[in-house]
């Protein structure tokens, strides 16, 4: 099983929560007001895999 963090709308991950493949780590959802900040250290995007994740997140956010 992999390890990581996801930020998602509950409606989009209901099946995964019910199956136990995802959990709510703090015991309750955290309300979001549709504002997200992507923070990273200077130079962090010099790695191709990190740049790919960054670019994907930005593209997804622009579609909302």
C-alpha atoms as a PDB file:
ATOM      1  CA  UNK A   1       0.000   0.000   0.000  1.00  0.00           C
ATOM      2  CA  UNK A   2       1.341   3.424  -0.919  1.00  0.00           C
ATOM      3  CA  UNK A   3       1.654   6.367   1.382  1.00  0.00           C
ATOM      4  CA  UNK A   4       0.784   9.929   0.557  1.00  0.00           C
ATOM      5  CA  UNK A   5      -1.629  12.781   1.029  1.00  0.00           C
ATOM      6  CA  UNK A   6      -4.637  13.754  -1.035  1.00  0.00           C
ATOM      7  CA  UNK A   7      -6.855  16.783  -0.969  1.00  0.00           C
ATOM      8  CA  UNK A   8     -10.189  15.886  -2.489  1.00  0.00           C
ATOM      9  CA  UNK A   9     -13.868  16.535  -2.356  1.00  0.00           C
ATOM     10  CA  UNK A  10     -15.551  13.853  -0.311  1.00  0.00           C
ATOM     11  CA  UNK A  11     -18.078  13.233  -3.072  1.00  0.00           C
ATOM     12  CA  UNK A  12     -15.250  12.158  -5.381  1.00  0.00           C
ATOM     13  CA  UNK A  13     -13.671   9.673  -2.954  1.00  0.00           C
ATOM     14  CA  UNK A  14     -16.697   8.121  -1.246  1.00  0.00           C
ATOM     15  CA  UNK A  15     -15.983   4.640  -2.620  1.00  0.00           C
ATOM     16  CA  UNK A  16     -12.342   4.766  -1.533  1.00  0.00           C
ATOM     17  CA  UNK A  17     -13.333   5.905   1.959  1.00  0.00           C
ATOM     18  CA  UNK A  18     -15.877   3.081   2.247  1.00  0.00           C
ATOM     19  CA  UNK A  19     -13.316   0.521   1.007  1.00  0.00           C
ATOM     20  CA  UNK A  20     -10.704   1.801   3.444  1.00  0.00           C
ATOM     21  CA  UNK A  21      -8.154   2.563   0.744  1.00  0.00           C
ATOM     22  CA  UNK A  22      -8.317   6.221   1.851  1.00  0.00           C
ATOM     23  CA  UNK A  23      -8.880   7.616   5.326  1.00  0.00           C
ATOM     24  CA  UNK A  24      -9.604  11.026   6.802  1.00  0.00           C
ATOM     25  CA  UNK A  25      -6.405  11.421   8.837  1.00  0.00           C
ATOM     26  CA  UNK A  26      -7.706  13.893  11.377  1.00  0.00           C
ATOM     27  CA  UNK A  27     -10.966  12.084  12.069  1.00  0.00           C
ATOM     28  CA  UNK A  28     -13.077  14.747  10.413  1.00  0.00           C
ATOM     29  CA  UNK A  29     -13.064  16.593   7.105  1.00  0.00           C
ATOM     30  CA  UNK A  30     -11.566  20.036   6.907  1.00  0.00           C
ATOM     31  CA  UNK A  31     -13.832  22.601   5.268  1.00  0.00           C
ATOM     32  CA  UNK A  32     -12.312  24.389   2.289  1.00  0.00           C
ATOM     33  CA  UNK A  33     -13.455  27.605   0.780  1.00  0.00           C
ATOM     34  CA  UNK A  34     -12.143  26.766  -2.690  1.00  0.00           C
ATOM     35  CA  UNK A  35      -8.843  28.524  -2.115  1.00  0.00           C
ATOM     36  CA  UNK A  36      -5.712  26.476  -2.316  1.00  0.00           C
ATOM     37  CA  UNK A  37      -2.080  27.406  -2.101  1.00  0.00           C
ATOM     38  CA  UNK A  38       0.694  25.322  -3.586  1.00  0.00           C
ATOM     39  CA  UNK A  39       3.864  25.949  -1.619  1.00  0.00           C
ATOM     40  CA  UNK A  40       7.297  24.529  -2.256  1.00  0.00           C
ATOM     41  CA  UNK A  41      10.927  25.324  -1.608  1.00  0.00           C
ATOM     42  CA  UNK A  42      13.037  27.260  -4.064  1.00  0.00           C
ATOM     43  CA  UNK A  43      14.471  24.842  -6.593  1.00  0.00           C
ATOM     44  CA  UNK A  44      11.951  22.108  -5.794  1.00  0.00           C
ATOM     45  CA  UNK A  45      10.563  22.164  -9.313  1.00  0.00           C
ATOM     46  CA  UNK A  46      13.952  21.388 -10.850  1.00  0.00           C
ATOM     47  CA  UNK A  47      13.111  17.687 -10.514  1.00  0.00           C
ATOM     48  CA  UNK A  48      11.071  16.480 -13.525  1.00  0.00           C
ATOM     49  CA  UNK A  49       8.694  14.374 -11.421  1.00  0.00           C
ATOM     50  CA  UNK A  50       7.973  17.263  -9.051  1.00  0.00           C
ATOM     51  CA  UNK A  51       7.475  19.609 -12.003  1.00  0.00           C
ATOM     52  CA  UNK A  52       5.025  17.120 -13.522  1.00  0.00           C
ATOM     53  CA  UNK A  53       2.963  16.951 -10.312  1.00  0.00           C
ATOM     54  CA  UNK A  54       3.037  20.739 -10.002  1.00  0.00           C
ATOM     55  CA  UNK A  55       1.919  21.251 -13.589  1.00  0.00           C
ATOM     56  CA  UNK A  56      -0.830  18.648 -13.220  1.00  0.00           C
ATOM     57  CA  UNK A  57      -2.169  20.261 -10.021  1.00  0.00           C
ATOM     58  CA  UNK A  58      -2.167  23.710 -11.629  1.00  0.00           C
ATOM     59  CA  UNK A  59      -3.975  22.365 -14.697  1.00  0.00           C
ATOM     60  CA  UNK A  60      -6.591  20.641 -12.528  1.00  0.00           C
ATOM     61  CA  UNK A  61      -7.161  23.805 -10.504  1.00  0.00           C
ATOM     62  CA  UNK A  62      -7.678  25.854 -13.649  1.00  0.00           C
ATOM     63  CA  UNK A  63     -10.507  23.502 -14.653  1.00  0.00           C
ATOM     64  CA  UNK A  64     -12.512  24.165 -11.485  1.00  0.00           C
END
